């Protein structure tokens, strides 16, 4: 289909949609969707993240009364214009699966009346039974609050009338932040740092406290080994990121006691242990960016009798010291795979992986073909990739995976999967039997990728027998020599590593905040809610002034902006 024809289809649909939106005509707006079409809205129609499927639900949402008007009238989205000067101009798309849904996709810009803001959207159009172009998915995303756009330029130095140096400017700003932080961010990993950088660009005072002695130590101390960028280089990047973005960070600092929220002043009281000094802070907002949860360490009888080395995978540091030893790794996910590879590479006498259930395995080569290969030319800003990637409703994405996306991934890894199965390794692509093959995405959205293995070489070691598999048996107990399973079989070991994952984020939050606050929160952080949005992540938590910033780099890059906008709106008194 010629690009002119694609643009004409998109332009006609978008013009008609704008008329419906600007006149507050809910029925007409909804008629632009397929009967089972989706809308994903981030902060345009409400101060939350919403994902709705089907004309009836979309109609109900947009018809809700806000300040005496329907939601669509109150928000007043208008001035729709095709985004024809970026890589997200109208283009063809085809979804994987037997149905092979095809259509036209593209981006557009718009304005929001209340609050006064700028927005950007993304549509995927297909033809209905009558040949009319309708929205399969529509994404509406707040970009900036008008008059409070992100500041991208810094001015430092003695020039053009400025009378302070860069060092003096940064020092003065840090002193102002430390004296009265509007936002306190607990955790200096990628999520905490990116949130702090967003807030700084929006003119909001944000202080980060980090328990480690150096920014990036949470990566330097990891037991896993990324394929594309070494963990040490990621750690150094985070360190330089904090410097480049001039972020105010207290290192070797922790929350000392349970924070207290005063609803009258709308401020927290937080006791921070900064080195050997106790400091009390009163921020308006508390952001927990504490990562994926504390180590989950199961208990079995006899663990204290084991005479070898026993530790959780989070504390794996040096496989070299166990050269020539017999190693058992309990667990069969990403951490287990990385650690098994490490032991093999450093000359362990024998490495055995204990797989108690089943694992979703995807090779790095398959991921490169389907996920990591950018559809854009080299040099395209990462923001364009993030924007298109997050325009897809998550629950709809899982439907696509079930209807054929996962089958396509499995086809790419057919030889690897067959060889792993032959070696006794149990595979799955379902979260529960019969629930549908959601694949890697389903495990990511539901379990933070627990139960998955992004294979960068361990699969080959399993197939070759260099990593042995003990599959399908629960552990009965430990003794001084190793592990006994419930079927009576035994594994002798000099080293046992528990690659048993991490506790839920909410458990970490409860330990920090106490029951009085967390009992008023939804039960989960992460995982999909009833509409298919991630629970509490970068969106209202259910408690005033409390936010969660969690996720991999792509989540932090994109959603830190939305968290910043929500905090800014509250500071302006418009949310």
Protein backbone atom coordinates (compact mmCIF):
# COMPACT_ATOMS: atom_id res chain seq x y z
CA UNK A 1 0.00 0.00 0.00
CA UNK A 2 1.50 3.35 -1.05
CA UNK A 3 2.46 5.78 1.68
CA UNK A 4 0.09 8.40 0.23
CA UNK A 5 -2.81 5.96 0.58
CA UNK A 6 -1.79 5.09 4.15
CA UNK A 7 -1.66 8.78 5.07
CA UNK A 8 -5.06 9.41 3.49
CA UNK A 9 -6.65 6.57 5.48
CA UNK A 10 -5.09 7.82 8.71
CA UNK A 11 -5.93 11.45 8.03
CA UNK A 12 -9.61 10.78 7.27
CA UNK A 13 -10.04 8.65 10.39
CA UNK A 14 -8.20 11.13 12.61
CA UNK A 15 -10.17 14.16 11.36
CA UNK A 16 -13.43 12.40 12.08
CA UNK A 17 -12.22 11.31 15.53
CA UNK A 18 -11.24 14.90 16.39
CA UNK A 19 -14.71 16.18 15.54
CA UNK A 20 -16.19 13.63 17.93
CA UNK A 21 -13.68 14.46 20.67
CA UNK A 22 -13.83 18.25 20.40
CA UNK A 23 -17.65 18.24 20.44
CA UNK A 24 -17.84 15.77 23.32
CA UNK A 25 -19.80 13.25 21.26
CA UNK A 26 -19.16 9.99 23.09
CA UNK A 27 -21.25 7.84 20.72
CA UNK A 28 -19.44 9.15 17.66
CA UNK A 29 -16.02 8.80 19.33
CA UNK A 30 -16.70 5.19 20.27
CA UNK A 31 -17.97 4.40 16.75
CA UNK A 32 -14.40 4.91 15.51
CA UNK A 33 -13.39 1.66 17.26
CA UNK A 34 -13.86 -1.95 16.31
CA UNK A 35 -16.45 -3.68 18.47
CA UNK A 36 -13.57 -5.27 20.40
CA UNK A 37 -11.14 -2.37 19.99
CA UNK A 38 -8.92 -1.03 22.78
CA UNK A 39 -8.03 2.33 24.24
CA UNK A 40 -4.99 2.80 26.48
CA UNK A 41 -4.98 6.16 28.21
CA UNK A 42 -2.13 7.54 30.28
CA UNK A 43 -3.21 10.71 32.14
CA UNK A 44 -5.26 12.33 29.35
CA UNK A 45 -8.79 11.42 30.44
CA UNK A 46 -7.94 10.83 34.11
CA UNK A 47 -5.00 11.08 36.51
CA UNK A 48 -4.36 7.37 36.20
CA UNK A 49 -3.51 4.64 33.70
CA UNK A 50 -6.53 3.02 32.08
CA UNK A 51 -6.93 0.28 29.46
CA UNK A 52 -10.41 -0.57 28.19
CA UNK A 53 -11.57 -3.13 25.65
CA UNK A 54 -14.84 -3.04 23.72
CA UNK A 55 -17.11 -0.20 22.75
CA UNK A 56 -19.34 -0.59 25.81
CA UNK A 57 -16.52 -0.15 28.33
CA UNK A 58 -14.97 2.72 26.38
CA UNK A 59 -18.37 4.43 26.20
CA UNK A 60 -18.91 3.96 29.93
CA UNK A 61 -15.50 5.45 30.79
CA UNK A 62 -15.84 8.51 28.55
CA UNK A 63 -19.43 9.13 29.72
CA UNK A 64 -18.53 9.31 33.42
CA UNK A 65 -19.35 12.69 34.94
CA UNK A 66 -16.40 14.85 36.05
CA UNK A 67 -17.14 18.32 37.43
CA UNK A 68 -20.57 18.29 35.85
CA UNK A 69 -19.43 17.22 32.40
CA UNK A 70 -18.85 13.92 30.67
CA UNK A 71 -15.25 12.81 30.91
CA UNK A 72 -14.70 13.38 27.18
CA UNK A 73 -16.05 16.95 27.44
CA UNK A 74 -14.11 17.67 30.62
CA UNK A 75 -10.75 16.59 29.18
CA UNK A 76 -11.40 18.29 25.84
CA UNK A 77 -8.88 16.56 23.58
CA UNK A 78 -8.63 18.53 20.33
CA UNK A 79 -6.23 19.83 17.64
CA UNK A 80 -5.45 16.34 16.34
CA UNK A 81 -2.59 16.39 13.83
CA UNK A 82 -0.82 13.48 12.14
CA UNK A 83 2.75 13.17 13.36
CA UNK A 84 4.15 13.25 9.83
CA UNK A 85 7.68 14.43 10.62
CA UNK A 86 8.88 11.48 12.73
CA UNK A 87 9.56 7.80 12.16
CA UNK A 88 6.08 7.09 13.50
CA UNK A 89 4.34 8.47 10.41
CA UNK A 90 1.53 6.27 8.98
CA UNK A 91 2.87 2.85 8.02
CA UNK A 92 1.53 -0.69 7.51
CA UNK A 93 1.56 -3.23 10.34
CA UNK A 94 0.84 -6.94 10.65
CA UNK A 95 0.34 -8.79 13.91
CA UNK A 96 1.64 -12.35 14.34
CA UNK A 97 -0.82 -15.22 14.43
CA UNK A 98 -3.05 -17.25 12.12
CA UNK A 99 -5.45 -14.33 11.60
CA UNK A 100 -2.57 -12.11 10.51
CA UNK A 101 -4.32 -8.84 11.40
CA UNK A 102 -3.08 -6.07 9.10
CA UNK A 103 -3.69 -2.37 8.94
CA UNK A 104 -2.36 1.17 9.23
CA UNK A 105 -0.54 2.55 12.26
CA UNK A 106 0.79 5.97 13.11
CA UNK A 107 1.26 8.73 15.66
CA UNK A 108 -0.50 12.03 16.15
CA UNK A 109 -0.36 15.03 18.46
CA UNK A 110 -3.18 16.81 20.28
CA UNK A 111 -3.93 19.27 23.04
CA UNK A 112 -5.80 18.68 26.30
CA UNK A 113 -8.10 21.38 27.61
CA UNK A 114 -8.28 20.36 31.28
CA UNK A 115 -5.66 20.27 32.50
CA UNK A 116 -3.95 22.43 29.89
CA UNK A 117 -1.51 19.95 28.43
CA UNK A 118 0.09 18.55 25.31
CA UNK A 119 -0.53 14.98 24.26
CA UNK A 120 0.59 12.43 21.74
CA UNK A 121 -1.27 9.38 20.53
CA UNK A 122 -0.79 6.24 18.47
CA UNK A 123 -3.40 4.31 16.49
CA UNK A 124 -3.65 0.93 14.81
CA UNK A 125 -6.47 0.81 12.27
CA UNK A 126 -7.97 -2.22 10.57
CA UNK A 127 -11.03 -2.69 8.38
CA UNK A 128 -14.28 -3.98 9.85
CA UNK A 129 -16.69 -6.36 8.10
CA UNK A 130 -18.05 -3.46 6.03
CA UNK A 131 -14.60 -2.35 4.93
CA UNK A 132 -14.57 0.74 7.16
CA UNK A 133 -11.35 1.68 8.93
CA UNK A 134 -11.71 1.42 12.70
CA UNK A 135 -9.32 1.49 15.66
CA UNK A 136 -7.98 -1.84 16.82
CA UNK A 137 -5.99 0.10 19.44
CA UNK A 138 -5.79 3.78 20.36
CA UNK A 139 -3.16 5.17 22.71
CA UNK A 140 -3.53 8.62 24.30
CA UNK A 141 -0.55 9.87 26.28
CA UNK A 142 0.09 13.11 28.16
CA UNK A 143 3.45 14.55 27.12
CA UNK A 144 3.71 17.80 29.08
CA UNK A 145 1.66 20.21 31.17
CA UNK A 146 1.45 23.46 29.22
CA UNK A 147 3.82 26.05 30.64
CA UNK A 148 5.70 23.45 32.67
CA UNK A 149 7.48 21.50 29.94
CA UNK A 150 10.65 19.62 30.79
CA UNK A 151 13.71 21.85 30.82
CA UNK A 152 16.37 20.21 28.67
CA UNK A 153 19.04 22.91 28.82
CA UNK A 154 21.25 23.85 31.73
CA UNK A 155 22.95 27.20 32.08
CA UNK A 156 26.17 27.21 34.05
CA UNK A 157 29.20 29.41 34.27
CA UNK A 158 30.16 33.06 34.30
CA UNK A 159 28.72 34.28 31.03
CA UNK A 160 25.80 36.32 29.69
CA UNK A 161 25.27 38.06 32.99
CA UNK A 162 25.45 34.92 35.16
CA UNK A 163 27.39 35.52 38.34
CA UNK A 164 27.94 32.04 39.74
CA UNK A 165 30.03 29.13 38.54
CA UNK A 166 28.69 25.67 37.78
CA UNK A 167 30.06 24.34 41.07
CA UNK A 168 28.37 27.13 43.03
CA UNK A 169 25.10 26.61 41.18
CA UNK A 170 25.01 22.87 41.85
CA UNK A 171 26.03 23.35 45.47
CA UNK A 172 23.26 25.88 46.07
CA UNK A 173 20.66 23.65 44.45
CA UNK A 174 21.78 20.61 46.47
CA UNK A 175 21.60 22.61 49.71
CA UNK A 176 18.05 23.69 48.85
CA UNK A 177 17.05 20.09 48.11
CA UNK A 178 18.60 18.74 51.30
CA UNK A 179 16.93 21.44 53.40
CA UNK A 180 13.44 20.77 52.03
CA UNK A 181 13.03 17.94 49.51
CA UNK A 182 9.63 17.86 47.86
CA UNK A 183 10.23 14.23 46.92
CA UNK A 184 12.29 11.60 48.74
CA UNK A 185 13.29 8.66 46.53
CA UNK A 186 14.36 5.50 48.34
CA UNK A 187 16.72 3.58 46.06
CA UNK A 188 19.39 4.75 43.63
CA UNK A 189 19.09 2.14 40.87
CA UNK A 190 17.90 2.95 37.37
CA UNK A 191 14.28 3.57 38.42
CA UNK A 192 15.18 5.93 41.25
CA UNK A 193 17.76 7.83 39.22
CA UNK A 194 15.53 8.27 36.17
CA UNK A 195 12.67 9.45 38.35
CA UNK A 196 14.98 11.97 40.03
CA UNK A 197 16.21 13.19 36.64
CA UNK A 198 12.63 13.66 35.40
CA UNK A 199 11.70 15.59 38.52
CA UNK A 200 14.73 17.83 38.20
CA UNK A 201 13.76 18.67 34.62
CA UNK A 202 10.30 19.57 35.88
CA UNK A 203 11.74 21.87 38.56
CA UNK A 204 10.86 19.65 41.54
CA UNK A 205 13.32 19.16 44.40
CA UNK A 206 14.12 15.44 44.67
CA UNK A 207 16.55 13.76 47.05
CA UNK A 208 17.68 10.16 46.46
CA UNK A 209 18.91 7.96 49.31
CA UNK A 210 20.90 4.86 48.37
CA UNK A 211 22.00 2.16 50.81
CA UNK A 212 25.20 1.31 48.91
CA UNK A 213 28.43 3.27 49.09
CA UNK A 214 28.49 4.03 45.38
CA UNK A 215 25.87 4.61 42.71
CA UNK A 216 25.64 1.49 40.54
CA UNK A 217 26.64 -0.97 43.26
CA UNK A 218 23.28 -2.70 42.94
CA UNK A 219 24.49 -3.76 39.47
CA UNK A 220 28.13 -4.35 40.38
CA UNK A 221 27.02 -6.83 43.02
CA UNK A 222 24.56 -8.74 40.81
CA UNK A 223 24.93 -12.45 40.19
CA UNK A 224 23.60 -12.25 36.61
CA UNK A 225 25.61 -11.41 33.54
CA UNK A 226 23.84 -9.40 30.80
CA UNK A 227 24.81 -10.36 27.26
CA UNK A 228 24.73 -6.98 25.60
CA UNK A 229 26.31 -4.68 28.19
CA UNK A 230 28.52 -6.00 31.04
CA UNK A 231 27.03 -5.42 34.48
CA UNK A 232 30.07 -3.38 35.50
CA UNK A 233 29.60 -1.08 32.54
CA UNK A 234 25.91 -0.64 33.43
CA UNK A 235 26.97 0.21 36.98
CA UNK A 236 29.47 2.79 35.72
CA UNK A 237 26.81 4.23 33.40
CA UNK A 238 24.45 4.76 36.34
CA UNK A 239 27.24 6.45 38.28
CA UNK A 240 27.96 8.81 35.39
CA UNK A 241 24.21 9.34 34.80
CA UNK A 242 23.84 10.64 38.34
CA UNK A 243 26.72 13.07 37.77
CA UNK A 244 25.60 14.18 34.31
CA UNK A 245 22.04 14.86 35.50
CA UNK A 246 23.30 16.57 38.65
CA UNK A 247 21.22 14.44 40.97
CA UNK A 248 21.31 15.00 44.72
CA UNK A 249 22.09 11.62 46.28
CA UNK A 250 22.93 10.54 49.80
CA UNK A 251 24.99 7.35 49.70
CA UNK A 252 25.28 4.79 52.50
CA UNK A 253 21.87 5.99 53.63
CA UNK A 254 18.77 4.07 54.71
CA UNK A 255 15.32 4.68 56.14
CA UNK A 256 15.84 4.06 59.83
CA UNK A 257 12.29 3.78 61.20
CA UNK A 258 8.75 3.52 59.86
CA UNK A 259 7.82 6.70 57.94
CA UNK A 260 4.79 8.57 59.27
CA UNK A 261 2.32 10.42 57.05
CA UNK A 262 0.53 13.52 58.39
CA UNK A 263 -2.71 13.95 56.43
CA UNK A 264 -3.17 17.51 57.76
CA UNK A 265 0.15 18.82 56.44
CA UNK A 266 0.26 16.27 53.59
CA UNK A 267 3.88 15.53 54.48
CA UNK A 268 5.89 12.53 55.58
CA UNK A 269 8.27 12.33 58.49
CA UNK A 270 11.16 10.08 57.50
CA UNK A 271 14.13 9.25 59.69
CA UNK A 272 17.21 8.64 57.55
CA UNK A 273 20.46 7.13 58.75
CA UNK A 274 23.12 8.88 56.66
CA UNK A 275 26.39 7.25 57.57
CA UNK A 276 26.70 7.87 61.31
CA UNK A 277 24.25 10.79 61.24
CA UNK A 278 20.47 10.71 61.82
CA UNK A 279 18.45 13.15 59.74
CA UNK A 280 14.69 13.81 59.80
CA UNK A 281 13.10 14.80 56.49
CA UNK A 282 9.56 16.00 55.71
CA UNK A 283 8.92 15.40 52.00
CA UNK A 284 5.49 15.67 50.41
CA UNK A 285 6.07 12.58 48.30
CA UNK A 286 7.81 9.30 49.04
CA UNK A 287 8.90 7.18 46.06
CA UNK A 288 9.94 3.58 46.68
CA UNK A 289 12.45 2.54 44.03
CA UNK A 290 13.83 -0.40 45.97
CA UNK A 291 14.00 -2.96 43.18
CA UNK A 292 12.44 -6.37 42.79
CA UNK A 293 12.20 -7.43 46.42
CA UNK A 294 14.42 -9.08 49.01
CA UNK A 295 15.83 -12.58 48.41
CA UNK A 296 13.31 -15.39 48.80
CA UNK A 297 15.09 -18.03 50.88
CA UNK A 298 13.03 -21.19 51.45
CA UNK A 299 13.68 -23.24 54.57
CA UNK A 300 14.17 -27.00 54.57
CA UNK A 301 15.01 -29.25 57.45
CA UNK A 302 18.70 -29.84 57.87
CA UNK A 303 19.92 -26.69 56.14
CA UNK A 304 22.01 -25.81 59.19
CA UNK A 305 23.63 -29.25 59.04
CA UNK A 306 25.01 -28.81 55.52
CA UNK A 307 28.79 -28.55 55.78
CA UNK A 308 29.45 -26.84 52.45
CA UNK A 309 28.76 -23.32 51.20
CA UNK A 310 25.07 -22.37 51.08
CA UNK A 311 23.80 -18.99 49.88
CA UNK A 312 21.12 -17.23 47.82
CA UNK A 313 21.87 -16.32 44.22
CA UNK A 314 21.68 -12.60 45.05
CA UNK A 315 24.90 -13.09 47.03
CA UNK A 316 26.81 -14.98 44.33
CA UNK A 317 30.13 -13.23 43.80
CA UNK A 318 32.97 -15.54 42.83
CA UNK A 319 32.74 -18.95 41.18
CA UNK A 320 36.54 -19.22 40.94
CA UNK A 321 36.86 -20.06 44.64
CA UNK A 322 34.82 -23.22 44.01
CA UNK A 323 36.94 -24.57 41.15
CA UNK A 324 36.93 -28.37 41.25
CA UNK A 325 33.87 -28.49 43.53
CA UNK A 326 30.46 -30.16 43.09
CA UNK A 327 27.77 -27.49 42.75
CA UNK A 328 23.99 -27.70 43.01
CA UNK A 329 21.88 -24.72 41.97
CA UNK A 330 18.25 -24.86 43.12
CA UNK A 331 16.06 -23.07 40.57
CA UNK A 332 15.87 -22.96 36.79
CA UNK A 333 15.39 -19.34 35.80
CA UNK A 334 17.65 -16.53 34.66
CA UNK A 335 19.74 -16.27 37.81
CA UNK A 336 20.24 -20.04 37.91
CA UNK A 337 21.30 -20.15 34.27
CA UNK A 338 23.82 -17.34 34.67
CA UNK A 339 25.31 -18.86 37.82
CA UNK A 340 25.54 -22.33 36.29
CA UNK A 341 27.42 -20.83 33.34
CA UNK A 342 29.73 -19.06 35.75
CA UNK A 343 30.56 -22.26 37.62
CA UNK A 344 31.19 -24.18 34.38
CA UNK A 345 33.42 -21.40 33.06
CA UNK A 346 35.45 -21.46 36.28
CA UNK A 347 36.10 -25.18 36.35
CA UNK A 348 33.58 -26.64 38.79
CA UNK A 349 33.85 -30.43 38.85
CA UNK A 350 30.10 -30.87 38.35
CA UNK A 351 27.16 -28.47 38.09
CA UNK A 352 23.57 -29.63 38.61
CA UNK A 353 20.49 -27.47 38.15
CA UNK A 354 17.45 -28.47 40.21
CA UNK A 355 14.28 -27.71 38.24
CA UNK A 356 11.22 -28.26 40.39
CA UNK A 357 8.63 -26.99 37.90
CA UNK A 358 8.80 -25.77 34.29
CA UNK A 359 10.58 -22.81 32.68
CA UNK A 360 9.75 -20.47 29.81
CA UNK A 361 12.91 -20.44 27.67
CA UNK A 362 13.62 -17.96 24.89
CA UNK A 363 16.99 -17.71 23.19
CA UNK A 364 18.78 -14.39 22.85
CA UNK A 365 18.81 -14.85 19.07
CA UNK A 366 15.01 -15.18 18.99
CA UNK A 367 14.69 -12.09 21.18
CA UNK A 368 17.00 -10.18 18.85
CA UNK A 369 14.77 -11.00 15.89
CA UNK A 370 11.45 -10.24 17.58
CA UNK A 371 12.07 -7.73 20.38
CA UNK A 372 15.49 -6.10 20.28
CA UNK A 373 15.65 -5.34 16.55
CA UNK A 374 14.46 -1.77 16.11
CA UNK A 375 11.97 -1.07 13.31
CA UNK A 376 13.56 2.36 12.93
CA UNK A 377 16.71 3.58 11.14
CA UNK A 378 19.95 3.85 13.08
CA UNK A 379 20.15 7.08 15.02
CA UNK A 380 16.43 7.24 15.78
CA UNK A 381 15.85 8.61 19.30
CA UNK A 382 15.05 5.88 21.80
CA UNK A 383 11.98 7.90 22.80
CA UNK A 384 10.30 6.97 19.50
CA UNK A 385 10.85 3.26 20.16
CA UNK A 386 9.61 3.57 23.73
CA UNK A 387 6.53 5.48 22.60
CA UNK A 388 5.46 2.89 20.04
CA UNK A 389 6.37 -0.02 22.29
CA UNK A 390 4.22 1.25 25.16
CA UNK A 391 1.30 2.23 22.93
CA UNK A 392 0.08 -1.37 22.93
CA UNK A 393 -2.39 -2.28 25.71
CA UNK A 394 -0.66 -4.98 27.73
CA UNK A 395 -3.68 -7.29 27.96
CA UNK A 396 -4.14 -7.03 24.18
CA UNK A 397 -0.47 -7.86 23.69
CA UNK A 398 -0.99 -11.06 25.69
CA UNK A 399 -3.96 -11.90 23.47
CA UNK A 400 -1.68 -11.51 20.46
CA UNK A 401 0.86 -13.81 22.09
CA UNK A 402 -1.77 -16.45 22.81
CA UNK A 403 -3.19 -16.25 19.29
CA UNK A 404 0.11 -16.83 17.54
CA UNK A 405 2.94 -14.66 18.82
CA UNK A 406 4.25 -17.30 21.20
CA UNK A 407 3.98 -19.99 18.53
CA UNK A 408 6.18 -17.86 16.30
CA UNK A 409 8.74 -17.49 19.08
CA UNK A 410 8.69 -21.23 19.68
CA UNK A 411 9.28 -21.87 15.99
CA UNK A 412 12.45 -19.77 16.09
CA UNK A 413 13.74 -21.86 19.02
CA UNK A 414 12.45 -25.25 17.83
CA UNK A 415 15.84 -26.99 17.83
CA UNK A 416 16.85 -25.60 21.22
CA UNK A 417 13.54 -26.59 22.82
CA UNK A 418 13.65 -30.11 21.41
CA UNK A 419 17.20 -30.60 22.65
CA UNK A 420 16.38 -29.24 26.12
CA UNK A 421 13.37 -31.54 26.41
CA UNK A 422 15.52 -34.49 25.40
CA UNK A 423 17.96 -33.52 28.16
CA UNK A 424 15.13 -33.67 30.72
CA UNK A 425 14.45 -29.94 31.01
CA UNK A 426 10.75 -29.09 31.41
CA UNK A 427 9.38 -26.24 29.27
CA UNK A 428 6.24 -24.13 29.48
CA UNK A 429 4.76 -20.96 27.96
CA UNK A 430 1.69 -20.82 30.21
CA UNK A 431 1.35 -19.17 33.60
CA UNK A 432 -0.96 -22.01 34.61
CA UNK A 433 -2.09 -25.13 32.75
CA UNK A 434 -4.71 -24.33 30.14
CA UNK A 435 -4.53 -20.54 30.60
CA UNK A 436 -2.98 -19.87 27.19
CA UNK A 437 0.58 -19.55 25.94
CA UNK A 438 1.36 -15.96 26.94
CA UNK A 439 5.09 -16.58 26.59
CA UNK A 440 7.80 -14.33 27.96
CA UNK A 441 5.58 -11.23 28.07
CA UNK A 442 3.05 -12.95 30.30
CA UNK A 443 5.73 -13.99 32.77
CA UNK A 444 7.21 -10.48 32.68
CA UNK A 445 3.94 -8.66 33.36
CA UNK A 446 2.66 -11.15 35.94
CA UNK A 447 5.81 -12.30 37.72
CA UNK A 448 8.58 -9.83 36.84
CA UNK A 449 9.96 -12.56 34.55
CA UNK A 450 10.27 -15.13 37.35
CA UNK A 451 10.13 -18.60 35.82
CA UNK A 452 11.85 -17.55 32.59
CA UNK A 453 15.27 -18.07 31.05
CA UNK A 454 16.63 -15.71 28.43
CA UNK A 455 19.19 -18.16 27.16
CA UNK A 456 22.65 -16.79 26.39
CA UNK A 457 24.48 -20.10 26.53
CA UNK A 458 23.26 -22.18 29.45
CA UNK A 459 20.86 -24.05 27.18
CA UNK A 460 23.81 -25.39 25.18
CA UNK A 461 25.56 -26.47 28.38
CA UNK A 462 22.42 -28.38 29.44
CA UNK A 463 22.14 -30.07 26.04
CA UNK A 464 25.81 -31.04 26.14
CA UNK A 465 25.45 -32.42 29.67
CA UNK A 466 27.89 -29.94 31.17
CA UNK A 467 25.03 -28.67 33.33
CA UNK A 468 23.05 -31.64 34.59
CA UNK A 469 19.32 -31.47 35.30
CA UNK A 470 17.51 -32.82 38.34
CA UNK A 471 13.88 -32.36 37.37
CA UNK A 472 10.45 -32.65 38.89
CA UNK A 473 11.25 -33.69 42.46
CA UNK A 474 10.59 -31.58 45.53
CA UNK A 475 13.31 -31.28 48.14
CA UNK A 476 12.75 -33.33 51.29
CA UNK A 477 15.64 -32.14 53.44
CA UNK A 478 19.31 -31.22 53.61
CA UNK A 479 22.04 -33.12 55.41
CA UNK A 480 25.74 -32.55 55.91
CA UNK A 481 26.59 -33.79 52.41
CA UNK A 482 23.84 -32.28 50.27
CA UNK A 483 20.15 -32.60 49.36
CA UNK A 484 17.68 -35.48 49.66
CA UNK A 485 14.56 -35.37 47.51
CA UNK A 486 11.10 -36.69 48.32
CA UNK A 487 11.57 -39.67 46.00
CA UNK A 488 14.58 -40.71 48.10
CA UNK A 489 17.22 -39.65 45.57
CA UNK A 490 20.19 -37.58 46.71
CA UNK A 491 22.60 -34.98 45.37
CA UNK A 492 25.96 -34.54 47.05
CA UNK A 493 27.38 -31.04 46.94
CA UNK A 494 30.20 -28.84 48.13
CA UNK A 495 28.22 -25.73 47.19
CA UNK A 496 24.46 -25.15 47.09
CA UNK A 497 23.09 -21.94 45.57
CA UNK A 498 19.44 -21.06 46.10
CA UNK A 499 18.34 -19.35 42.87
CA UNK A 500 14.84 -19.18 44.29
CA UNK A 501 13.86 -15.67 43.27
CA UNK A 502 12.78 -12.67 45.28
CA UNK A 503 9.96 -11.83 47.61
CA UNK A 504 7.02 -9.76 46.31
CA UNK A 505 7.68 -6.03 46.22
CA UNK A 506 4.80 -5.47 48.64
CA UNK A 507 6.59 -7.54 51.27
CA UNK A 508 9.59 -5.21 51.02
CA UNK A 509 7.24 -2.22 51.17
CA UNK A 510 5.50 -3.61 54.25
CA UNK A 511 8.84 -4.02 56.02
CA UNK A 512 9.65 -0.39 55.28
CA UNK A 513 6.24 1.26 55.74
CA UNK A 514 4.57 -0.96 58.33
CA UNK A 515 1.10 -2.49 58.29
CA UNK A 516 -0.80 0.71 59.09
CA UNK A 517 -0.01 2.16 55.67
CA UNK A 518 0.27 -0.97 53.53
CA UNK A 519 -3.05 -2.42 54.71
CA UNK A 520 -4.74 0.42 52.80
CA UNK A 521 -2.88 -0.39 49.57
CA UNK A 522 -3.86 -2.88 46.88
CA UNK A 523 -2.33 -6.28 47.64
CA UNK A 524 0.20 -6.28 44.81
CA UNK A 525 2.86 -4.10 43.30
CA UNK A 526 3.46 -5.21 39.71
CA UNK A 527 1.25 -7.80 38.01
CA UNK A 528 -1.69 -6.77 35.82
CA UNK A 529 -4.86 -5.30 37.28
CA UNK A 530 -8.36 -6.09 35.97
CA UNK A 531 -7.86 -3.75 32.99
CA UNK A 532 -4.37 -4.93 32.15
CA UNK A 533 -2.28 -2.12 33.64
CA UNK A 534 0.59 -2.79 36.02
CA UNK A 535 -0.46 -2.50 39.66
CA UNK A 536 0.71 0.71 41.35
CA UNK A 537 3.78 1.20 39.15
CA UNK A 538 4.38 4.92 38.39
CA UNK A 539 0.68 5.60 39.09
CA UNK A 540 -1.41 6.32 42.21
CA UNK A 541 -0.69 3.72 44.87
CA UNK A 542 -3.84 4.17 46.90
CA UNK A 543 -2.12 6.24 49.59
CA UNK A 544 -1.52 10.00 49.19
CA UNK A 545 2.08 10.96 48.56
CA UNK A 546 3.25 7.37 48.09
CA UNK A 547 4.56 6.08 44.77
CA UNK A 548 6.36 3.00 43.42
CA UNK A 549 9.05 3.22 40.73
CA UNK A 550 10.03 -0.26 39.61
CA UNK A 551 11.11 -1.98 36.42
CA UNK A 552 13.76 -2.48 33.79
CA UNK A 553 15.35 0.40 31.90
CA UNK A 554 12.61 0.68 29.25
CA UNK A 555 9.90 0.96 31.93
CA UNK A 556 11.86 3.53 33.94
CA UNK A 557 12.74 5.61 30.87
CA UNK A 558 9.14 5.89 29.76
CA UNK A 559 7.03 5.90 32.92
CA UNK A 560 9.29 8.14 35.01
CA UNK A 561 7.88 11.00 32.92
CA UNK A 562 4.33 10.06 33.91
CA UNK A 563 5.27 9.90 37.58
CA UNK A 564 6.88 13.31 37.29
CA UNK A 565 3.76 14.76 35.65
CA UNK A 566 1.50 13.38 38.39
CA UNK A 567 3.67 14.81 41.16
CA UNK A 568 3.92 18.14 39.33
CA UNK A 569 0.14 18.27 38.92
CA UNK A 570 -0.34 17.69 42.63
CA UNK A 571 2.15 20.42 43.46
CA UNK A 572 0.23 22.77 41.13
CA UNK A 573 -3.06 21.81 42.77
CA UNK A 574 -4.65 20.55 39.55
CA UNK A 575 -4.83 16.83 40.39
